[in-house]
N, C-alpha and C. Protein backbone atom coordinates (compact mmCIF):
# COMPACT_ATOMS: atom_id res chain seq x y z
N MET A 1 -42.49 141.16 -73.55
CA MET A 1 -43.78 140.66 -73.10
C MET A 1 -44.34 141.14 -71.90
N ASN A 2 -44.45 142.38 -72.22
CA ASN A 2 -45.12 142.85 -70.71
C ASN A 2 -46.63 142.97 -70.46
N ARG A 3 -47.20 142.12 -69.47
CA ARG A 3 -48.74 142.14 -69.56
C ARG A 3 -49.00 142.61 -67.87
N LYS A 4 -49.99 143.32 -67.62
CA LYS A 4 -50.48 143.62 -66.77
C LYS A 4 -52.06 143.18 -66.64
N THR A 5 -52.27 143.02 -65.24
CA THR A 5 -53.57 142.66 -64.95
C THR A 5 -54.55 144.24 -65.26
N LYS A 6 -55.99 144.02 -66.11
CA LYS A 6 -56.26 144.88 -66.31
C LYS A 6 -57.57 144.91 -65.22
N ALA A 7 -58.33 143.60 -65.06
CA ALA A 7 -59.45 143.68 -64.20
C ALA A 7 -60.11 142.04 -63.69
N ARG A 8 -59.95 141.96 -62.38
CA ARG A 8 -60.17 140.87 -61.82
C ARG A 8 -61.94 140.84 -61.93
N ILE A 9 -62.63 139.95 -62.87
CA ILE A 9 -63.74 139.70 -62.91
C ILE A 9 -65.15 139.13 -62.70
N MET A 10 -63.92 137.63 -61.64
CA MET A 10 -64.92 136.94 -61.30
C MET A 10 -64.09 136.07 -59.70
N ASP A 11 -64.34 136.10 -59.10
CA ASP A 11 -63.75 135.49 -57.80
C ASP A 11 -64.19 133.98 -57.24
N ALA A 12 -63.74 133.57 -56.52
CA ALA A 12 -63.80 132.08 -55.88
C ALA A 12 -65.90 131.96 -55.95
N SER A 13 -66.58 132.85 -55.29
CA SER A 13 -67.70 132.45 -54.80
C SER A 13 -68.73 133.16 -56.46
N ALA A 14 -68.11 133.96 -57.20
CA ALA A 14 -68.86 134.27 -58.32
C ALA A 14 -68.82 133.04 -59.28
N ILE A 15 -67.40 132.21 -59.53
CA ILE A 15 -67.64 130.99 -59.93
C ILE A 15 -68.23 130.16 -59.87
N ASP A 16 -68.26 129.99 -58.35
CA ASP A 16 -69.11 128.98 -57.83
C ASP A 16 -70.90 128.89 -58.12
N ARG A 17 -71.10 130.42 -57.96
CA ARG A 17 -72.41 130.78 -58.36
C ARG A 17 -72.54 130.67 -60.19
N VAL A 18 -71.92 130.46 -60.78
CA VAL A 18 -72.18 130.40 -62.07
C VAL A 18 -72.52 129.07 -62.10
N ILE A 19 -71.21 128.45 -61.59
CA ILE A 19 -71.42 126.67 -61.91
C ILE A 19 -72.71 126.15 -61.18
N THR A 20 -73.29 126.23 -60.38
CA THR A 20 -74.61 126.59 -59.83
C THR A 20 -75.74 126.65 -60.82
N ARG A 21 -75.43 127.78 -61.31
CA ARG A 21 -76.57 128.27 -62.37
C ARG A 21 -76.49 127.22 -63.62
N ILE A 22 -75.37 127.21 -63.76
CA ILE A 22 -75.40 126.23 -64.84
C ILE A 22 -75.55 125.00 -65.28
N ALA A 23 -75.68 124.44 -64.06
CA ALA A 23 -76.16 122.64 -63.30
C ALA A 23 -77.79 122.97 -63.24
N HIS A 24 -78.29 124.21 -62.86
CA HIS A 24 -79.48 124.02 -62.97
C HIS A 24 -80.25 123.83 -64.40
N GLU A 25 -79.57 125.08 -64.99
CA GLU A 25 -79.89 125.13 -66.80
C GLU A 25 -79.69 123.80 -67.50
N VAL A 26 -78.55 123.23 -67.01
CA VAL A 26 -78.79 121.79 -67.66
C VAL A 26 -79.46 120.92 -67.07
N LEU A 27 -80.09 120.83 -66.18
CA LEU A 27 -81.04 119.84 -65.39
C LEU A 27 -82.33 120.56 -66.00
N GLU A 28 -82.86 121.58 -66.34
CA GLU A 28 -83.93 122.15 -66.65
C GLU A 28 -83.85 122.03 -68.06
N LYS A 29 -83.04 121.72 -68.93
CA LYS A 29 -82.89 121.51 -69.94
C LYS A 29 -83.00 120.06 -70.71
N ASN A 30 -82.14 119.28 -70.00
CA ASN A 30 -82.22 118.57 -69.96
C ASN A 30 -83.43 117.03 -69.30
N ARG A 31 -84.23 117.74 -68.43
CA ARG A 31 -85.00 117.00 -67.52
C ARG A 31 -84.81 115.90 -66.60
N GLN A 32 -83.84 115.18 -67.38
CA GLN A 32 -83.10 114.17 -66.50
C GLN A 32 -81.91 113.94 -66.62
N THR A 33 -81.27 113.13 -65.66
CA THR A 33 -79.80 112.91 -65.79
C THR A 33 -79.27 111.36 -66.21
N LYS A 34 -80.46 110.08 -66.70
CA LYS A 34 -80.03 109.42 -67.20
C LYS A 34 -79.20 109.04 -68.30
N ASP A 35 -79.24 109.69 -69.18
CA ASP A 35 -78.78 109.80 -70.28
C ASP A 35 -77.20 110.77 -70.83
N LEU A 36 -77.28 111.58 -68.93
CA LEU A 36 -76.55 112.94 -69.24
C LEU A 36 -75.02 112.51 -68.92
N CYS A 37 -73.77 113.02 -69.38
CA CYS A 37 -72.64 112.93 -69.02
C CYS A 37 -71.95 114.27 -69.16
N VAL A 38 -70.79 114.38 -68.83
CA VAL A 38 -69.98 115.71 -68.83
C VAL A 38 -68.71 115.14 -68.78
N VAL A 39 -68.19 115.86 -69.97
CA VAL A 39 -66.66 116.07 -70.42
C VAL A 39 -65.81 117.18 -70.09
N GLY A 40 -64.40 117.21 -69.58
CA GLY A 40 -64.41 118.54 -69.59
C GLY A 40 -62.79 118.66 -70.44
N ILE A 41 -62.52 119.63 -71.31
CA ILE A 41 -61.55 119.77 -72.41
C ILE A 41 -60.11 119.98 -70.71
N ARG A 42 -59.05 119.19 -71.02
CA ARG A 42 -58.12 119.46 -70.04
C ARG A 42 -57.12 120.79 -70.27
N LYS A 43 -57.00 121.81 -69.64
CA LYS A 43 -57.12 121.70 -68.26
C LYS A 43 -58.08 122.26 -67.34
N GLY A 44 -58.47 123.20 -67.52
CA GLY A 44 -58.99 124.43 -66.82
C GLY A 44 -60.56 123.82 -67.44
N GLY A 45 -61.06 122.91 -68.51
CA GLY A 45 -62.24 123.12 -68.70
C GLY A 45 -62.63 121.21 -68.10
N ALA A 46 -61.92 120.59 -67.44
CA ALA A 46 -61.93 119.44 -66.83
C ALA A 46 -62.35 119.31 -65.84
N CYS A 47 -61.36 120.81 -64.75
CA CYS A 47 -61.45 121.07 -63.18
C CYS A 47 -63.22 121.51 -63.06
N LEU A 48 -63.68 122.50 -64.29
CA LEU A 48 -64.84 122.92 -64.47
C LEU A 48 -65.97 121.98 -64.75
N ALA A 49 -65.72 121.00 -65.19
CA ALA A 49 -66.81 119.83 -65.65
C ALA A 49 -66.44 118.74 -64.26
N GLU A 50 -65.55 118.73 -63.62
CA GLU A 50 -65.58 117.95 -62.24
C GLU A 50 -66.63 118.58 -61.38
N ARG A 51 -66.42 119.82 -61.26
CA ARG A 51 -67.15 120.75 -60.59
C ARG A 51 -68.92 120.83 -61.16
N LEU A 52 -69.16 120.55 -61.93
CA LEU A 52 -70.05 121.10 -62.87
C LEU A 52 -71.29 119.55 -62.35
N ALA A 53 -70.50 118.66 -62.76
CA ALA A 53 -71.12 117.05 -62.77
C ALA A 53 -71.05 116.76 -61.08
N LYS A 54 -70.31 117.26 -60.18
CA LYS A 54 -70.76 117.33 -58.76
C LYS A 54 -71.84 117.92 -58.73
N LYS A 55 -71.82 119.19 -58.85
CA LYS A 55 -73.11 119.95 -58.83
C LYS A 55 -74.60 119.58 -59.17
N ILE A 56 -74.24 119.16 -60.30
CA ILE A 56 -75.62 118.26 -61.05
C ILE A 56 -76.13 117.11 -60.14
N SER A 57 -75.45 116.52 -59.76
CA SER A 57 -75.61 115.42 -58.91
C SER A 57 -75.65 115.53 -57.44
N GLU A 58 -75.27 116.90 -56.82
CA GLU A 58 -75.82 116.96 -55.78
C GLU A 58 -77.51 117.18 -55.55
N ILE A 59 -77.54 118.38 -57.03
CA ILE A 59 -78.97 118.69 -57.31
C ILE A 59 -79.92 117.62 -57.45
N ASP A 60 -79.38 116.61 -57.85
CA ASP A 60 -80.67 115.69 -58.88
C ASP A 60 -80.42 114.23 -58.06
N GLY A 61 -79.17 114.21 -57.52
CA GLY A 61 -79.29 113.13 -56.61
C GLY A 61 -78.08 111.44 -57.62
N GLY A 62 -78.56 111.96 -58.89
CA GLY A 62 -77.56 110.71 -59.66
C GLY A 62 -76.46 110.89 -60.01
N GLU A 63 -75.75 110.12 -60.19
CA GLU A 63 -74.30 110.17 -60.55
C GLU A 63 -74.30 110.52 -62.05
N ILE A 64 -73.09 111.44 -62.21
CA ILE A 64 -72.94 111.84 -63.77
C ILE A 64 -71.78 111.23 -63.94
N PRO A 65 -71.76 110.83 -65.24
CA PRO A 65 -70.34 110.27 -65.64
C PRO A 65 -69.23 111.63 -65.99
N LEU A 66 -68.19 111.21 -65.99
CA LEU A 66 -67.28 112.69 -66.03
C LEU A 66 -66.27 111.69 -66.79
N GLY A 67 -65.74 112.74 -68.10
CA GLY A 67 -64.45 112.31 -68.91
C GLY A 67 -63.70 113.54 -68.81
N ILE A 68 -62.64 113.50 -69.43
CA ILE A 68 -61.44 114.17 -69.89
C ILE A 68 -61.02 114.03 -71.23
N LEU A 69 -60.95 115.08 -71.90
CA LEU A 69 -60.37 115.35 -73.27
C LEU A 69 -59.25 115.89 -73.32
N ASP A 70 -58.25 115.27 -73.63
CA ASP A 70 -56.81 115.78 -74.49
C ASP A 70 -57.02 116.18 -75.53
N ILE A 71 -56.88 117.36 -76.28
CA ILE A 71 -57.02 117.28 -77.67
C ILE A 71 -55.77 117.88 -78.16
N THR A 72 -54.73 117.97 -77.43
CA THR A 72 -53.09 118.29 -78.20
C THR A 72 -53.16 117.56 -79.61
N LEU A 73 -53.59 116.52 -79.91
CA LEU A 73 -53.03 115.95 -81.30
C LEU A 73 -54.41 116.23 -82.29
N TYR A 74 -55.07 116.74 -81.90
CA TYR A 74 -56.59 117.20 -82.87
C TYR A 74 -56.22 118.78 -83.41
N ARG A 75 -55.28 118.80 -82.64
CA ARG A 75 -54.95 120.82 -83.23
C ARG A 75 -54.92 121.11 -84.58
N ASP A 76 -55.54 121.94 -85.40
CA ASP A 76 -54.94 122.32 -86.15
C ASP A 76 -53.58 123.07 -86.51
N ASP A 77 -53.40 123.66 -85.63
CA ASP A 77 -51.76 124.13 -85.02
C ASP A 77 -50.58 123.83 -84.36
N LEU A 78 -50.83 122.22 -84.01
CA LEU A 78 -50.02 121.43 -83.39
C LEU A 78 -48.46 121.92 -83.87
N THR A 79 -48.15 122.08 -84.69
CA THR A 79 -46.54 122.14 -84.84
C THR A 79 -46.36 123.91 -84.61
N ALA A 80 -47.26 124.79 -84.39
CA ALA A 80 -47.11 125.85 -84.05
C ALA A 80 -46.99 126.28 -82.32
N ILE A 81 -47.33 125.48 -81.32
CA ILE A 81 -47.82 125.08 -80.50
C ILE A 81 -46.21 125.00 -79.72
N ALA A 82 -45.92 123.95 -80.34
CA ALA A 82 -44.41 123.55 -79.53
C ALA A 82 -43.21 122.60 -80.64
N GLU A 83 -42.34 122.55 -80.37
CA GLU A 83 -41.77 121.34 -81.09
C GLU A 83 -42.06 119.95 -80.79
N GLN A 84 -42.32 119.76 -79.68
CA GLN A 84 -42.88 118.24 -79.31
C GLN A 84 -43.87 118.33 -78.03
N PRO A 85 -45.26 118.79 -78.79
CA PRO A 85 -46.00 119.19 -77.82
C PRO A 85 -46.30 118.12 -76.34
N VAL A 86 -46.32 117.96 -75.33
CA VAL A 86 -46.79 117.58 -74.30
C VAL A 86 -48.56 116.62 -74.30
N VAL A 87 -48.45 115.42 -74.59
CA VAL A 87 -50.01 114.82 -75.03
C VAL A 87 -50.17 114.54 -73.60
N HIS A 88 -51.77 114.58 -72.84
CA HIS A 88 -52.31 114.58 -72.09
C HIS A 88 -52.90 113.13 -71.94
N LYS A 89 -53.31 112.19 -71.22
CA LYS A 89 -54.09 110.92 -71.57
C LYS A 89 -55.56 111.59 -71.62
N THR A 90 -56.67 111.33 -72.75
CA THR A 90 -58.11 111.50 -72.63
C THR A 90 -58.40 110.05 -71.60
N GLU A 91 -59.36 110.94 -70.89
CA GLU A 91 -59.90 109.86 -70.11
C GLU A 91 -61.33 109.92 -70.03
N ILE A 92 -62.18 108.83 -70.77
CA ILE A 92 -63.42 108.91 -71.09
C ILE A 92 -64.01 107.01 -70.95
N GLY A 93 -64.11 106.91 -69.91
CA GLY A 93 -64.04 105.17 -69.29
C GLY A 93 -65.65 105.14 -69.42
N PHE A 94 -66.47 105.41 -70.44
CA PHE A 94 -67.92 105.23 -70.49
C PHE A 94 -68.55 105.36 -72.08
N ASP A 95 -69.72 104.56 -72.64
CA ASP A 95 -69.85 104.63 -74.07
C ASP A 95 -70.66 106.21 -74.38
N ILE A 96 -70.33 106.95 -74.97
CA ILE A 96 -71.24 108.01 -75.10
C ILE A 96 -72.15 107.85 -76.38
N ARG A 97 -72.40 106.69 -76.82
CA ARG A 97 -73.15 106.81 -77.92
C ARG A 97 -74.54 106.46 -77.30
N ASP A 98 -74.91 107.72 -78.18
CA ASP A 98 -76.48 107.97 -77.68
C ASP A 98 -77.21 108.59 -76.12
N LYS A 99 -76.25 109.44 -76.02
CA LYS A 99 -75.84 110.27 -74.78
C LYS A 99 -75.50 111.56 -74.95
N LYS A 100 -76.06 112.19 -74.17
CA LYS A 100 -76.03 113.91 -73.93
C LYS A 100 -75.01 114.37 -73.63
N VAL A 101 -74.21 114.79 -74.33
CA VAL A 101 -72.46 114.76 -73.64
C VAL A 101 -72.86 116.86 -73.47
N ILE A 102 -72.26 116.72 -72.17
CA ILE A 102 -71.99 118.34 -71.71
C ILE A 102 -70.57 118.67 -72.14
N LEU A 103 -70.27 119.28 -72.95
CA LEU A 103 -68.82 119.49 -72.86
C LEU A 103 -68.49 120.96 -72.78
N VAL A 104 -67.61 120.73 -71.64
CA VAL A 104 -67.32 121.78 -70.65
C VAL A 104 -65.87 122.84 -71.28
N ASP A 105 -65.71 123.60 -70.99
CA ASP A 105 -64.02 124.49 -71.01
C ASP A 105 -64.49 125.76 -70.63
N ASP A 106 -63.07 126.25 -69.91
CA ASP A 106 -63.01 127.70 -69.37
C ASP A 106 -63.55 128.58 -70.19
N VAL A 107 -62.68 129.07 -71.16
CA VAL A 107 -63.00 129.96 -72.22
C VAL A 107 -63.12 130.02 -73.70
N LEU A 108 -64.11 130.50 -73.89
CA LEU A 108 -64.89 130.38 -75.30
C LEU A 108 -63.69 131.54 -76.32
N PHE A 109 -63.42 131.44 -77.15
CA PHE A 109 -62.16 132.30 -77.92
C PHE A 109 -62.83 132.41 -79.53
N THR A 110 -61.96 131.75 -79.94
CA THR A 110 -62.01 131.67 -81.76
C THR A 110 -63.08 130.54 -82.11
N GLY A 111 -63.08 129.32 -81.38
CA GLY A 111 -63.81 128.30 -81.38
C GLY A 111 -62.92 126.97 -81.79
N ARG A 112 -61.49 127.61 -82.23
CA ARG A 112 -60.69 126.50 -82.54
C ARG A 112 -60.81 125.08 -81.54
N THR A 113 -60.72 125.38 -80.34
CA THR A 113 -60.97 124.69 -79.47
C THR A 113 -61.73 123.78 -79.14
N ILE A 114 -62.73 124.09 -79.67
CA ILE A 114 -64.21 123.46 -79.26
C ILE A 114 -64.20 122.38 -80.51
N ARG A 115 -63.77 123.14 -81.98
CA ARG A 115 -63.95 122.27 -83.00
C ARG A 115 -63.30 120.85 -82.88
N CYS A 116 -61.83 121.04 -82.37
CA CYS A 116 -61.04 119.91 -82.22
C CYS A 116 -61.90 119.28 -80.85
N ALA A 117 -62.37 119.62 -79.63
CA ALA A 117 -63.08 118.52 -79.02
C ALA A 117 -64.31 118.08 -79.46
N LEU A 118 -65.05 118.39 -80.60
CA LEU A 118 -65.89 118.05 -81.07
C LEU A 118 -65.46 117.01 -82.03
N ASP A 119 -64.71 117.26 -82.45
CA ASP A 119 -63.62 115.94 -83.57
C ASP A 119 -63.61 114.51 -82.67
N GLN A 120 -63.12 114.97 -81.69
CA GLN A 120 -62.62 113.83 -81.10
C GLN A 120 -63.67 113.76 -80.41
N LEU A 121 -64.56 113.99 -79.68
CA LEU A 121 -65.82 113.09 -78.81
C LEU A 121 -66.16 112.46 -79.70
N ILE A 122 -66.26 112.95 -81.27
CA ILE A 122 -67.24 111.96 -82.26
C ILE A 122 -66.45 110.45 -82.51
N ASP A 123 -65.10 110.63 -82.31
CA ASP A 123 -64.00 109.55 -82.77
C ASP A 123 -64.01 108.22 -81.40
N PHE A 124 -65.04 108.84 -80.19
CA PHE A 124 -65.46 107.92 -79.34
C PHE A 124 -66.86 107.29 -79.84
N GLY A 125 -67.62 107.69 -80.61
CA GLY A 125 -68.95 107.30 -81.04
C GLY A 125 -70.09 108.62 -81.29
N ARG A 126 -71.10 107.98 -81.56
CA ARG A 126 -71.78 109.36 -81.94
C ARG A 126 -72.90 109.53 -80.80
N PRO A 127 -72.80 110.62 -79.98
CA PRO A 127 -73.59 110.78 -78.87
C PRO A 127 -74.84 111.26 -79.33
N LYS A 128 -75.51 111.29 -78.72
CA LYS A 128 -77.55 112.11 -78.96
C LYS A 128 -77.23 113.13 -79.16
N ASN A 129 -76.61 114.18 -78.68
CA ASN A 129 -76.22 115.61 -79.03
C ASN A 129 -75.11 115.96 -77.97
N ILE A 130 -74.45 117.16 -78.64
CA ILE A 130 -73.33 118.06 -77.52
C ILE A 130 -73.98 119.00 -77.27
N GLN A 131 -73.84 119.51 -76.33
CA GLN A 131 -74.04 120.93 -75.38
C GLN A 131 -73.11 121.29 -74.85
N LEU A 132 -72.59 122.61 -75.08
CA LEU A 132 -71.31 123.08 -74.89
C LEU A 132 -71.76 124.34 -73.63
N ALA A 133 -70.64 123.91 -72.42
CA ALA A 133 -70.88 124.81 -71.19
C ALA A 133 -69.55 125.87 -71.25
N ILE A 134 -69.41 126.54 -71.09
CA ILE A 134 -68.25 127.62 -71.24
C ILE A 134 -68.55 128.57 -69.43
N LEU A 135 -67.40 128.89 -68.93
CA LEU A 135 -66.98 129.79 -67.70
C LEU A 135 -67.36 131.22 -68.72
N ILE A 136 -66.59 131.35 -69.48
CA ILE A 136 -66.33 132.79 -70.22
C ILE A 136 -65.89 132.80 -71.51
N ASP A 137 -67.22 133.09 -72.39
CA ASP A 137 -67.19 133.57 -73.73
C ASP A 137 -66.77 135.02 -73.86
N ARG A 138 -65.64 134.88 -74.83
CA ARG A 138 -64.75 136.60 -75.07
C ARG A 138 -64.96 136.49 -76.24
N GLY A 139 -66.20 136.36 -77.27
CA GLY A 139 -66.01 136.37 -78.39
C GLY A 139 -64.98 136.66 -79.28
N HIS A 140 -64.88 136.55 -80.59
CA HIS A 140 -64.00 137.09 -81.53
C HIS A 140 -63.87 135.74 -82.34
N ARG A 141 -65.04 135.08 -82.53
CA ARG A 141 -65.15 133.54 -83.19
C ARG A 141 -64.49 133.71 -84.73
N GLU A 142 -63.63 132.46 -84.86
CA GLU A 142 -63.14 132.22 -86.20
C GLU A 142 -64.22 131.12 -86.77
N LEU A 143 -65.11 130.18 -86.31
CA LEU A 143 -66.00 129.16 -86.52
C LEU A 143 -67.25 129.43 -86.16
N PRO A 144 -68.32 128.92 -86.65
CA PRO A 144 -69.49 129.29 -86.20
C PRO A 144 -69.71 128.34 -84.99
N ILE A 145 -69.00 128.38 -83.98
CA ILE A 145 -69.42 127.70 -82.49
C ILE A 145 -70.04 128.93 -81.40
N ARG A 146 -71.30 128.12 -81.14
CA ARG A 146 -72.08 129.00 -79.65
C ARG A 146 -72.04 128.38 -78.44
N ALA A 147 -71.86 128.57 -77.50
CA ALA A 147 -72.47 128.02 -76.22
C ALA A 147 -73.65 127.85 -75.94
N ASP A 148 -73.76 126.75 -75.46
CA ASP A 148 -75.48 126.58 -75.02
C ASP A 148 -75.46 127.09 -73.42
N TYR A 149 -74.40 126.79 -72.70
CA TYR A 149 -74.57 127.56 -71.63
C TYR A 149 -73.36 128.30 -70.96
N VAL A 150 -73.78 130.06 -70.82
CA VAL A 150 -72.50 130.61 -70.41
C VAL A 150 -72.63 131.27 -69.30
N GLY A 151 -71.36 130.97 -68.64
CA GLY A 151 -71.11 131.51 -67.29
C GLY A 151 -71.32 133.32 -67.53
N LYS A 152 -70.23 133.67 -68.20
CA LYS A 152 -70.24 135.43 -68.33
C LYS A 152 -69.90 135.82 -69.51
N ASN A 153 -70.48 136.65 -70.36
CA ASN A 153 -69.89 137.52 -71.67
C ASN A 153 -68.84 138.50 -70.86
N VAL A 154 -68.00 138.27 -71.74
CA VAL A 154 -66.97 139.56 -71.46
C VAL A 154 -66.02 139.81 -72.74
N PRO A 155 -66.62 141.02 -73.15
CA PRO A 155 -66.17 141.65 -74.24
C PRO A 155 -64.70 142.02 -73.94
N THR A 156 -63.68 141.72 -75.04
CA THR A 156 -62.73 142.11 -74.71
C THR A 156 -61.81 142.48 -76.42
N SER A 157 -60.89 142.93 -75.90
CA SER A 157 -60.11 143.24 -77.58
C SER A 157 -59.50 142.18 -77.43
N VAL A 158 -59.01 141.83 -78.98
CA VAL A 158 -58.06 140.58 -79.14
C VAL A 158 -56.70 140.73 -78.96
N VAL A 159 -56.09 141.70 -78.68
CA VAL A 159 -54.56 141.78 -77.66
C VAL A 159 -54.93 141.74 -76.38
N GLU A 160 -55.96 141.60 -75.53
CA GLU A 160 -56.44 141.14 -74.21
C GLU A 160 -56.28 139.60 -74.19
N THR A 161 -56.20 139.06 -72.93
CA THR A 161 -56.43 137.69 -72.53
C THR A 161 -57.19 137.11 -71.31
N ILE A 162 -57.95 136.36 -71.32
CA ILE A 162 -58.39 136.12 -70.14
C ILE A 162 -57.78 134.98 -69.45
N GLU A 163 -57.81 134.95 -68.21
CA GLU A 163 -56.95 134.09 -67.69
C GLU A 163 -57.90 133.65 -66.54
N VAL A 164 -58.30 132.22 -66.92
CA VAL A 164 -59.12 131.29 -65.47
C VAL A 164 -57.85 130.69 -64.98
N ARG A 165 -57.97 131.20 -63.52
CA ARG A 165 -57.41 130.19 -62.48
C ARG A 165 -58.05 129.73 -61.29
N LEU A 166 -57.95 128.28 -61.28
CA LEU A 166 -58.87 127.69 -60.75
C LEU A 166 -57.54 126.87 -59.75
N LYS A 167 -58.49 126.58 -58.43
CA LYS A 167 -57.25 125.98 -57.03
C LYS A 167 -57.09 125.04 -57.27
N GLU A 168 -57.66 124.07 -58.32
CA GLU A 168 -57.18 122.61 -58.72
C GLU A 168 -55.65 122.85 -59.00
N LEU A 169 -55.79 124.01 -60.02
CA LEU A 169 -54.35 124.04 -61.14
C LEU A 169 -53.33 125.05 -60.34
N ASP A 170 -54.07 126.56 -60.05
CA ASP A 170 -53.30 127.54 -59.50
C ASP A 170 -53.63 128.05 -57.73
N GLU A 171 -54.08 127.25 -57.26
CA GLU A 171 -54.17 127.53 -55.99
C GLU A 171 -55.32 128.71 -55.71
N VAL A 172 -56.07 129.10 -56.13
CA VAL A 172 -56.69 130.27 -56.31
C VAL A 172 -57.87 129.91 -57.54
N ASP A 173 -59.05 130.33 -57.21
CA ASP A 173 -60.61 130.73 -57.93
C ASP A 173 -60.40 131.75 -58.45
N GLU A 174 -60.23 132.37 -59.91
CA GLU A 174 -60.37 133.90 -60.30
C GLU A 174 -60.54 133.85 -61.76
N VAL A 175 -60.67 135.06 -62.11
CA VAL A 175 -60.88 135.28 -63.55
C VAL A 175 -60.41 136.56 -63.57
N ILE A 176 -59.38 136.60 -64.51
CA ILE A 176 -58.83 137.84 -64.53
C ILE A 176 -58.64 138.63 -66.20
N ILE A 177 -58.54 139.94 -66.76
CA ILE A 177 -58.42 139.98 -67.95
C ILE A 177 -57.10 140.77 -68.28
N MET A 178 -56.13 140.28 -68.95
CA MET A 178 -54.59 140.74 -68.80
C MET A 178 -54.41 141.77 -70.21
N GLU A 179 -54.01 142.68 -70.00
CA GLU A 179 -53.62 143.54 -71.09
C GLU A 179 -52.25 142.99 -72.07
N GLY A 180 -52.14 143.39 -72.86
CA GLY A 180 -51.24 142.82 -73.54
C GLY A 180 -51.24 141.95 -74.71
N GLU A 181 -50.03 141.79 -75.38
CA GLU A 181 -50.09 140.65 -76.24
C GLU A 181 -49.91 139.45 -75.76
N LYS A 182 -50.75 138.28 -76.47
CA LYS A 182 -50.12 137.02 -75.67
C LYS A 182 -48.87 136.52 -76.01
């Protein structure tokens, strides 16, 4: 498995600009933050969700409830990812019923991760609506899922991968395209 960096498509300032733009788009679409909450998909989506909630609060002045989903047990390929997959805690310390949920992830690819997240969110109650915010949309959908807020559309081949590196996890903020097979 020989993978090389093909291109660096975002740096820290580009990621910050995208989060700021998406925060403004969320506020424009939803008008007020009273019934708004942000939920990120662990790992990268959770970091981005925290940044987005903070940015929305800075712009609007209101506190935005923040949650984290671990979708491991909802995956349709659970046995394929590991013999004993590591399950982390889902942290949603507020009621999502009748809320506008902004679901956040780093990369939208086949749509399967988002389907798992939607299933899990519904288990917490019936929100008023769920809106999807994605840092990178790379195409190749297998399910009819689309994002409401997209940081950047990046057409890729199926054998390329997108790596989102965030300072909370990787000590650097960048998005890169990797060549070669996963």
